[in-house]
Amino acid sequence: MGTWICTVPLLLIWGQILRQDVNFRRIGVLELILLGVGCFWTGWMQETLAATLLRTGMNVLYLSVLFLVLRLYFCIRERGWKPIVDRLLGKGDLYFALAITPLFAPDRFIWIFPYTLVFTIACFAWNRPKSHRTLPLAGGQSLALAIYVLLDGLI
């Protein structure tokens, strides 16, 4: 994953995103900007700028395909074209997913991203408050990524 000087700020930002998303169902713009910059910086410290830009582009392409599949699923399910952002998927969740793209090589990102989604559903689906219809997706993914990065650094 990289050196601890890169990892500790990311862990702090992920902790703040987890707290905000679970408690308020909102993520601050500052946290998302810091996360994007921190992930890009960490990715750049691991490889060259060109390699970081390439893997960021490939991961964004992967997320685009996932979003298109999700979009098609909801078009079929709801029999029409209805907006899914802010109704079924929050803007903060999308920005979070885009912010973490420079952090991982595409072969890792392809399996890390779905596993963090499953982790979030497993953690929060049964324990979510009745007042919220949504899951804290970015917060759960922050927790899963923090655990992954810590374990990856220790192994």
N, C-alpha and C. Protein backbone atom coordinates (compact mmCIF):
# COMPACT_ATOMS: atom_id res chain seq x y z
N MET A 1 0.82 -1.19 0.00
CA MET A 1 0.00 0.00 0.00
C MET A 1 0.85 1.25 0.00
N GLY A 2 1.97 1.22 0.58
CA GLY A 2 2.79 2.41 0.60
C GLY A 2 3.34 2.64 1.99
N THR A 3 3.94 3.78 2.16
CA THR A 3 4.52 4.09 3.45
C THR A 3 3.44 4.57 4.41
N TRP A 4 3.79 4.53 5.69
CA TRP A 4 2.83 4.98 6.71
C TRP A 4 2.57 6.47 6.63
N ILE A 5 3.52 7.23 6.09
CA ILE A 5 3.30 8.67 5.96
C ILE A 5 2.16 8.97 4.97
N CYS A 6 1.94 8.07 4.04
CA CYS A 6 0.81 8.19 3.11
C CYS A 6 -0.46 7.58 3.70
N THR A 7 -0.31 6.53 4.47
CA THR A 7 -1.45 5.77 4.95
C THR A 7 -2.19 6.46 6.09
N VAL A 8 -1.48 7.03 7.03
CA VAL A 8 -2.11 7.63 8.21
C VAL A 8 -3.09 8.74 7.84
N PRO A 9 -2.74 9.69 6.95
CA PRO A 9 -3.75 10.70 6.59
C PRO A 9 -4.99 10.09 5.95
N LEU A 10 -4.81 9.06 5.12
CA LEU A 10 -5.98 8.40 4.52
C LEU A 10 -6.85 7.75 5.59
N LEU A 11 -6.24 7.11 6.57
CA LEU A 11 -7.01 6.49 7.65
C LEU A 11 -7.81 7.54 8.41
N LEU A 12 -7.22 8.69 8.66
CA LEU A 12 -7.93 9.77 9.37
C LEU A 12 -9.10 10.30 8.54
N ILE A 13 -8.88 10.47 7.25
CA ILE A 13 -9.96 10.95 6.38
C ILE A 13 -11.07 9.91 6.30
N TRP A 14 -10.71 8.63 6.16
CA TRP A 14 -11.74 7.58 6.12
C TRP A 14 -12.52 7.53 7.42
N GLY A 15 -11.86 7.74 8.54
CA GLY A 15 -12.56 7.77 9.82
C GLY A 15 -13.56 8.91 9.89
N GLN A 16 -13.17 10.07 9.39
CA GLN A 16 -14.08 11.22 9.37
C GLN A 16 -15.26 10.98 8.43
N ILE A 17 -15.01 10.39 7.27
CA ILE A 17 -16.09 10.08 6.34
C ILE A 17 -17.04 9.06 6.95
N LEU A 18 -16.51 8.05 7.62
CA LEU A 18 -17.35 7.06 8.30
C LEU A 18 -18.24 7.74 9.33
N ARG A 19 -17.67 8.61 10.15
CA ARG A 19 -18.44 9.30 11.18
C ARG A 19 -19.54 10.17 10.57
N GLN A 20 -19.20 10.93 9.56
CA GLN A 20 -20.19 11.81 8.93
C GLN A 20 -21.30 11.02 8.25
N ASP A 21 -20.93 9.99 7.53
CA ASP A 21 -21.92 9.24 6.76
C ASP A 21 -22.86 8.46 7.67
N VAL A 22 -22.34 7.87 8.72
CA VAL A 22 -23.19 7.09 9.63
C VAL A 22 -24.08 8.02 10.45
N ASN A 23 -23.53 9.10 10.97
CA ASN A 23 -24.30 9.99 11.85
C ASN A 23 -25.22 10.94 11.12
N PHE A 24 -24.78 11.49 10.00
CA PHE A 24 -25.53 12.57 9.35
C PHE A 24 -26.01 12.23 7.95
N ARG A 25 -25.58 11.12 7.40
CA ARG A 25 -25.88 10.73 6.01
C ARG A 25 -25.44 11.81 5.02
N ARG A 26 -24.39 12.49 5.36
CA ARG A 26 -23.79 13.51 4.51
C ARG A 26 -22.28 13.41 4.63
N ILE A 27 -21.60 13.74 3.55
CA ILE A 27 -20.14 13.77 3.57
C ILE A 27 -19.72 15.17 3.14
N GLY A 28 -18.81 15.75 3.88
CA GLY A 28 -18.36 17.09 3.55
C GLY A 28 -17.54 17.13 2.27
N VAL A 29 -17.66 18.23 1.56
CA VAL A 29 -16.91 18.42 0.33
C VAL A 29 -15.41 18.43 0.62
N LEU A 30 -15.03 19.06 1.73
CA LEU A 30 -13.61 19.12 2.09
C LEU A 30 -13.02 17.72 2.27
N GLU A 31 -13.76 16.83 2.93
CA GLU A 31 -13.27 15.47 3.13
C GLU A 31 -13.10 14.74 1.80
N LEU A 32 -14.04 14.95 0.88
CA LEU A 32 -13.93 14.28 -0.42
C LEU A 32 -12.74 14.83 -1.22
N ILE A 33 -12.52 16.13 -1.13
CA ILE A 33 -11.36 16.72 -1.82
C ILE A 33 -10.07 16.19 -1.22
N LEU A 34 -10.00 16.20 0.12
CA LEU A 34 -8.80 15.68 0.78
C LEU A 34 -8.57 14.21 0.46
N LEU A 35 -9.66 13.44 0.40
CA LEU A 35 -9.54 12.02 0.06
C LEU A 35 -9.00 11.85 -1.36
N GLY A 36 -9.56 12.60 -2.31
CA GLY A 36 -9.09 12.50 -3.68
C GLY A 36 -7.62 12.88 -3.82
N VAL A 37 -7.23 13.97 -3.18
CA VAL A 37 -5.83 14.41 -3.23
C VAL A 37 -4.93 13.39 -2.53
N GLY A 38 -5.37 12.90 -1.37
CA GLY A 38 -4.58 11.92 -0.63
C GLY A 38 -4.41 10.61 -1.38
N CYS A 39 -5.48 10.15 -2.02
CA CYS A 39 -5.39 8.91 -2.80
C CYS A 39 -4.49 9.09 -4.02
N PHE A 40 -4.62 10.25 -4.68
CA PHE A 40 -3.77 10.50 -5.84
C PHE A 40 -2.30 10.60 -5.41
N TRP A 41 -2.06 11.31 -4.33
CA TRP A 41 -0.68 11.46 -3.83
C TRP A 41 -0.09 10.10 -3.45
N THR A 42 -0.89 9.28 -2.76
CA THR A 42 -0.42 7.95 -2.37
C THR A 42 -0.14 7.09 -3.61
N GLY A 43 -1.05 7.15 -4.59
CA GLY A 43 -0.81 6.41 -5.83
C GLY A 43 0.43 6.88 -6.56
N TRP A 44 0.66 8.18 -6.54
CA TRP A 44 1.83 8.76 -7.21
C TRP A 44 3.11 8.37 -6.48
N MET A 45 3.06 8.22 -5.17
CA MET A 45 4.24 7.81 -4.42
C MET A 45 4.60 6.35 -4.71
N GLN A 46 3.61 5.57 -5.12
CA GLN A 46 3.86 4.16 -5.43
C GLN A 46 4.42 3.96 -6.84
N GLU A 47 3.98 4.80 -7.78
CA GLU A 47 4.37 4.63 -9.18
C GLU A 47 4.62 6.00 -9.80
N THR A 48 4.86 6.01 -11.09
CA THR A 48 5.08 7.27 -11.79
C THR A 48 3.75 7.99 -12.00
N LEU A 49 3.82 9.24 -12.37
CA LEU A 49 2.62 10.02 -12.64
C LEU A 49 1.82 9.41 -13.78
N ALA A 50 2.49 8.99 -14.83
CA ALA A 50 1.80 8.39 -15.98
C ALA A 50 1.08 7.11 -15.58
N ALA A 51 1.72 6.28 -14.78
CA ALA A 51 1.09 5.03 -14.33
C ALA A 51 -0.11 5.32 -13.43
N THR A 52 0.01 6.33 -12.58
CA THR A 52 -1.10 6.70 -11.70
C THR A 52 -2.28 7.21 -12.51
N LEU A 53 -2.02 8.05 -13.49
CA LEU A 53 -3.09 8.55 -14.36
C LEU A 53 -3.73 7.43 -15.16
N LEU A 54 -2.92 6.49 -15.63
CA LEU A 54 -3.45 5.36 -16.40
C LEU A 54 -4.36 4.49 -15.54
N ARG A 55 -3.90 4.14 -14.34
CA ARG A 55 -4.74 3.28 -13.50
C ARG A 55 -5.97 4.02 -13.00
N THR A 56 -5.87 5.32 -12.79
CA THR A 56 -7.05 6.10 -12.42
C THR A 56 -8.07 6.06 -13.55
N GLY A 57 -7.60 6.25 -14.78
CA GLY A 57 -8.50 6.19 -15.93
C GLY A 57 -9.15 4.83 -16.10
N MET A 58 -8.38 3.77 -15.91
CA MET A 58 -8.94 2.42 -16.04
C MET A 58 -9.97 2.14 -14.94
N ASN A 59 -9.70 2.60 -13.73
CA ASN A 59 -10.64 2.39 -12.64
C ASN A 59 -11.91 3.22 -12.83
N VAL A 60 -11.78 4.42 -13.37
CA VAL A 60 -12.96 5.24 -13.68
C VAL A 60 -13.79 4.56 -14.77
N LEU A 61 -13.13 3.97 -15.75
CA LEU A 61 -13.84 3.22 -16.78
C LEU A 61 -14.61 2.05 -16.17
N TYR A 62 -13.99 1.34 -15.26
CA TYR A 62 -14.65 0.23 -14.55
C TYR A 62 -15.88 0.74 -13.79
N LEU A 63 -15.73 1.85 -13.07
CA LEU A 63 -16.87 2.42 -12.33
C LEU A 63 -17.98 2.86 -13.29
N SER A 64 -17.60 3.37 -14.45
CA SER A 64 -18.59 3.79 -15.44
C SER A 64 -19.40 2.59 -15.93
N VAL A 65 -18.73 1.48 -16.16
CA VAL A 65 -19.44 0.27 -16.59
C VAL A 65 -20.38 -0.21 -15.47
N LEU A 66 -19.90 -0.19 -14.23
CA LEU A 66 -20.77 -0.58 -13.11
C LEU A 66 -21.98 0.33 -13.00
N PHE A 67 -21.78 1.63 -13.16
CA PHE A 67 -22.89 2.58 -13.07
C PHE A 67 -23.87 2.36 -14.22
N LEU A 68 -23.37 2.07 -15.41
CA LEU A 68 -24.24 1.79 -16.55
C LEU A 68 -25.08 0.55 -16.31
N VAL A 69 -24.48 -0.50 -15.77
CA VAL A 69 -25.23 -1.72 -15.45
C VAL A 69 -26.28 -1.43 -14.38
N LEU A 70 -25.92 -0.66 -13.37
CA LEU A 70 -26.88 -0.27 -12.33
C LEU A 70 -28.01 0.56 -12.92
N ARG A 71 -27.67 1.47 -13.81
CA ARG A 71 -28.66 2.32 -14.48
C ARG A 71 -29.64 1.46 -15.29
N LEU A 72 -29.12 0.50 -16.05
CA LEU A 72 -29.97 -0.38 -16.84
C LEU A 72 -30.86 -1.24 -15.95
N TYR A 73 -30.31 -1.74 -14.85
CA TYR A 73 -31.09 -2.54 -13.92
C TYR A 73 -32.29 -1.75 -13.39
N PHE A 74 -32.05 -0.51 -12.98
CA PHE A 74 -33.16 0.28 -12.43
C PHE A 74 -34.13 0.72 -13.52
N CYS A 75 -33.68 0.87 -14.75
CA CYS A 75 -34.61 1.16 -15.85
C CYS A 75 -35.56 0.00 -16.08
N ILE A 76 -35.03 -1.20 -16.04
CA ILE A 76 -35.86 -2.39 -16.22
C ILE A 76 -36.77 -2.59 -15.01
N ARG A 77 -36.23 -2.45 -13.83
CA ARG A 77 -37.00 -2.68 -12.60
C ARG A 77 -38.14 -1.67 -12.43
N GLU A 78 -37.88 -0.43 -12.75
CA GLU A 78 -38.89 0.60 -12.54
C GLU A 78 -39.62 0.98 -13.81
N ARG A 79 -39.38 0.24 -14.87
CA ARG A 79 -40.06 0.43 -16.16
C ARG A 79 -40.02 1.89 -16.63
N GLY A 80 -38.82 2.39 -16.70
CA GLY A 80 -38.67 3.76 -17.20
C GLY A 80 -37.38 4.38 -16.72
N TRP A 81 -37.11 5.53 -17.27
CA TRP A 81 -35.87 6.26 -16.96
C TRP A 81 -36.16 7.22 -15.82
N LYS A 82 -35.75 6.87 -14.63
CA LYS A 82 -35.92 7.73 -13.46
C LYS A 82 -34.54 7.99 -12.87
N PRO A 83 -34.37 9.15 -12.28
CA PRO A 83 -33.05 9.46 -11.70
C PRO A 83 -32.72 8.53 -10.54
N ILE A 84 -31.49 8.04 -10.50
CA ILE A 84 -31.09 7.19 -9.39
C ILE A 84 -30.15 7.91 -8.43
N VAL A 85 -29.47 8.94 -8.92
CA VAL A 85 -28.57 9.69 -8.04
C VAL A 85 -29.43 10.59 -7.15
N ASP A 86 -29.14 10.56 -5.89
CA ASP A 86 -29.86 11.27 -4.82
C ASP A 86 -31.18 10.60 -4.45
N ARG A 87 -31.59 9.60 -5.18
CA ARG A 87 -32.78 8.86 -4.80
C ARG A 87 -32.39 7.46 -4.32
N LEU A 88 -31.55 6.81 -5.07
CA LEU A 88 -31.11 5.46 -4.72
C LEU A 88 -29.62 5.40 -4.40
N LEU A 89 -28.87 6.35 -4.91
CA LEU A 89 -27.43 6.40 -4.73
C LEU A 89 -27.04 7.86 -4.52
N GLY A 90 -26.35 8.13 -3.44
CA GLY A 90 -26.00 9.51 -3.12
C GLY A 90 -24.84 10.04 -3.93
N LYS A 91 -24.82 11.36 -4.09
CA LYS A 91 -23.70 11.99 -4.79
C LYS A 91 -22.39 11.75 -4.04
N GLY A 92 -22.44 11.77 -2.72
CA GLY A 92 -21.24 11.53 -1.93
C GLY A 92 -20.67 10.15 -2.17
N ASP A 93 -21.55 9.16 -2.35
CA ASP A 93 -21.10 7.80 -2.65
C ASP A 93 -20.37 7.74 -3.99
N LEU A 94 -20.91 8.45 -4.98
CA LEU A 94 -20.26 8.48 -6.29
C LEU A 94 -18.92 9.20 -6.23
N TYR A 95 -18.90 10.34 -5.57
CA TYR A 95 -17.65 11.10 -5.46
C TYR A 95 -16.61 10.32 -4.65
N PHE A 96 -17.06 9.59 -3.64
CA PHE A 96 -16.14 8.75 -2.86
C PHE A 96 -15.51 7.69 -3.76
N ALA A 97 -16.34 7.02 -4.56
CA ALA A 97 -15.83 5.98 -5.45
C ALA A 97 -14.82 6.55 -6.44
N LEU A 98 -15.10 7.74 -6.96
CA LEU A 98 -14.16 8.37 -7.89
C LEU A 98 -12.88 8.79 -7.18
N ALA A 99 -12.99 9.22 -5.93
CA ALA A 99 -11.82 9.70 -5.19
C ALA A 99 -10.82 8.59 -4.91
N ILE A 100 -11.30 7.36 -4.73
CA ILE A 100 -10.37 6.27 -4.38
C ILE A 100 -9.77 5.58 -5.60
N THR A 101 -10.16 5.98 -6.81
CA THR A 101 -9.66 5.29 -8.01
C THR A 101 -8.14 5.34 -8.18
N PRO A 102 -7.43 6.42 -7.80
CA PRO A 102 -5.98 6.39 -8.01
C PRO A 102 -5.23 5.49 -7.04
N LEU A 103 -5.91 5.01 -6.02
CA LEU A 103 -5.23 4.32 -4.93
C LEU A 103 -4.82 2.89 -5.28
N PHE A 104 -5.58 2.22 -6.11
CA PHE A 104 -5.35 0.80 -6.38
C PHE A 104 -5.12 0.53 -7.86
N ALA A 105 -4.31 -0.47 -8.12
CA ALA A 105 -4.15 -0.95 -9.50
C ALA A 105 -5.48 -1.56 -9.94
N PRO A 106 -5.78 -1.51 -11.24
CA PRO A 106 -7.08 -2.00 -11.70
C PRO A 106 -7.39 -3.44 -11.30
N ASP A 107 -6.39 -4.33 -11.31
CA ASP A 107 -6.67 -5.72 -10.94
C ASP A 107 -7.08 -5.83 -9.48
N ARG A 108 -6.58 -4.97 -8.61
CA ARG A 108 -7.01 -4.96 -7.21
C ARG A 108 -8.35 -4.25 -7.05
N PHE A 109 -8.51 -3.15 -7.76
CA PHE A 109 -9.72 -2.35 -7.63
C PHE A 109 -10.95 -3.14 -8.04
N ILE A 110 -10.79 -3.99 -9.06
CA ILE A 110 -11.92 -4.78 -9.56
C ILE A 110 -12.47 -5.71 -8.49
N TRP A 111 -11.64 -6.21 -7.59
CA TRP A 111 -12.18 -7.06 -6.52
C TRP A 111 -12.38 -6.29 -5.22
N ILE A 112 -11.61 -5.25 -4.95
CA ILE A 112 -11.77 -4.49 -3.71
C ILE A 112 -13.10 -3.76 -3.68
N PHE A 113 -13.45 -3.10 -4.78
CA PHE A 113 -14.67 -2.29 -4.78
C PHE A 113 -15.93 -3.12 -4.50
N PRO A 114 -16.17 -4.24 -5.19
CA PRO A 114 -17.35 -5.04 -4.85
C PRO A 114 -17.32 -5.62 -3.43
N TYR A 115 -16.14 -6.01 -2.96
CA TYR A 115 -16.07 -6.54 -1.60
C TYR A 115 -16.38 -5.47 -0.56
N THR A 116 -15.99 -4.23 -0.81
CA THR A 116 -16.35 -3.17 0.14
C THR A 116 -17.85 -2.91 0.11
N LEU A 117 -18.48 -3.09 -1.04
CA LEU A 117 -19.94 -2.95 -1.11
C LEU A 117 -20.62 -4.05 -0.30
N VAL A 118 -20.16 -5.28 -0.47
CA VAL A 118 -20.73 -6.41 0.29
C VAL A 118 -20.49 -6.21 1.79
N PHE A 119 -19.30 -5.76 2.16
CA PHE A 119 -18.99 -5.48 3.56
C PHE A 119 -19.95 -4.44 4.14
N THR A 120 -20.21 -3.39 3.39
CA THR A 120 -21.11 -2.33 3.85
C THR A 120 -22.52 -2.86 4.03
N ILE A 121 -22.99 -3.63 3.09
CA ILE A 121 -24.34 -4.19 3.21
C ILE A 121 -24.42 -5.12 4.40
N ALA A 122 -23.40 -5.96 4.59
CA ALA A 122 -23.40 -6.89 5.72
C ALA A 122 -23.37 -6.15 7.05
N CYS A 123 -22.62 -5.07 7.14
CA CYS A 123 -22.50 -4.34 8.41
C CYS A 123 -23.72 -3.50 8.73
N PHE A 124 -24.30 -2.85 7.72
CA PHE A 124 -25.29 -1.83 8.01
C PHE A 124 -26.72 -2.19 7.62
N ALA A 125 -26.94 -3.23 6.84
CA ALA A 125 -28.30 -3.54 6.40
C ALA A 125 -29.20 -3.93 7.57
N TRP A 126 -28.66 -4.68 8.51
CA TRP A 126 -29.48 -5.12 9.63
C TRP A 126 -29.50 -4.13 10.77
N ASN A 127 -28.52 -3.27 10.84
CA ASN A 127 -28.40 -2.35 11.97
C ASN A 127 -28.78 -0.91 11.64
N ARG A 128 -29.33 -0.67 10.49
CA ARG A 128 -29.61 0.72 10.15
C ARG A 128 -30.83 1.21 10.92
N PRO A 129 -30.81 2.48 11.31
CA PRO A 129 -31.95 3.05 12.02
C PRO A 129 -33.18 3.08 11.13
N LYS A 130 -34.34 3.00 11.73
CA LYS A 130 -35.59 3.00 10.96
C LYS A 130 -35.83 4.34 10.27
N SER A 131 -35.21 5.41 10.78
CA SER A 131 -35.43 6.73 10.19
C SER A 131 -34.71 6.90 8.85
N HIS A 132 -33.74 6.05 8.56
CA HIS A 132 -32.99 6.15 7.31
C HIS A 132 -33.35 4.99 6.40
N ARG A 133 -33.64 5.31 5.14
CA ARG A 133 -33.90 4.27 4.16
C ARG A 133 -32.64 3.83 3.45
N THR A 134 -31.59 4.61 3.59
CA THR A 134 -30.37 4.35 2.85
C THR A 134 -29.28 3.79 3.75
N LEU A 135 -28.30 3.18 3.12
CA LEU A 135 -27.13 2.69 3.84
C LEU A 135 -26.01 3.72 3.73
N PRO A 136 -25.17 3.83 4.75
CA PRO A 136 -24.02 4.72 4.66
C PRO A 136 -22.92 4.07 3.81
N LEU A 137 -23.12 4.10 2.50
CA LEU A 137 -22.24 3.38 1.58
C LEU A 137 -20.79 3.87 1.65
N ALA A 138 -20.58 5.16 1.54
CA ALA A 138 -19.21 5.69 1.58
C ALA A 138 -18.58 5.44 2.94
N GLY A 139 -19.37 5.54 4.00
CA GLY A 139 -18.84 5.28 5.34
C GLY A 139 -18.44 3.83 5.52
N GLY A 140 -19.28 2.92 5.04
CA GLY A 140 -18.95 1.50 5.12
C GLY A 140 -17.74 1.13 4.28
N GLN A 141 -17.66 1.73 3.10
CA GLN A 141 -16.49 1.48 2.26
C GLN A 141 -15.23 2.06 2.90
N SER A 142 -15.37 3.19 3.58
CA SER A 142 -14.22 3.76 4.29
C SER A 142 -13.71 2.80 5.35
N LEU A 143 -14.63 2.23 6.11
CA LEU A 143 -14.26 1.26 7.14
C LEU A 143 -13.58 0.04 6.53
N ALA A 144 -14.18 -0.49 5.46
CA ALA A 144 -13.61 -1.67 4.80
C ALA A 144 -12.22 -1.37 4.23
N LEU A 145 -12.06 -0.22 3.61
CA LEU A 145 -10.75 0.14 3.05
C LEU A 145 -9.72 0.36 4.13
N ALA A 146 -10.13 0.96 5.25
CA ALA A 146 -9.19 1.16 6.36
C ALA A 146 -8.71 -0.19 6.90
N ILE A 147 -9.63 -1.13 7.05
CA ILE A 147 -9.25 -2.47 7.51
C ILE A 147 -8.31 -3.13 6.51
N TYR A 148 -8.65 -3.03 5.22
CA TYR A 148 -7.81 -3.63 4.18
C TYR A 148 -6.41 -3.02 4.19
N VAL A 149 -6.32 -1.70 4.25
CA VAL A 149 -5.02 -1.02 4.21
C VAL A 149 -4.19 -1.38 5.44
N LEU A 150 -4.83 -1.44 6.60
CA LEU A 150 -4.10 -1.82 7.81
C LEU A 150 -3.59 -3.25 7.73
N LEU A 151 -4.44 -4.16 7.27
CA LEU A 151 -4.01 -5.55 7.14
C LEU A 151 -2.95 -5.70 6.06
N ASP A 152 -3.08 -4.98 4.97
CA ASP A 152 -2.09 -5.04 3.89
C ASP A 152 -0.75 -4.50 4.36
N GLY A 153 -0.77 -3.50 5.22
CA GLY A 153 0.47 -2.94 5.75
C GLY A 153 1.14 -3.84 6.78
N LEU A 154 0.34 -4.64 7.47
CA LEU A 154 0.89 -5.52 8.50
C LEU A 154 1.41 -6.83 7.94
N ILE A 155 0.87 -7.24 6.81
CA ILE A 155 1.24 -8.54 6.23
C ILE A 155 2.47 -8.40 5.37
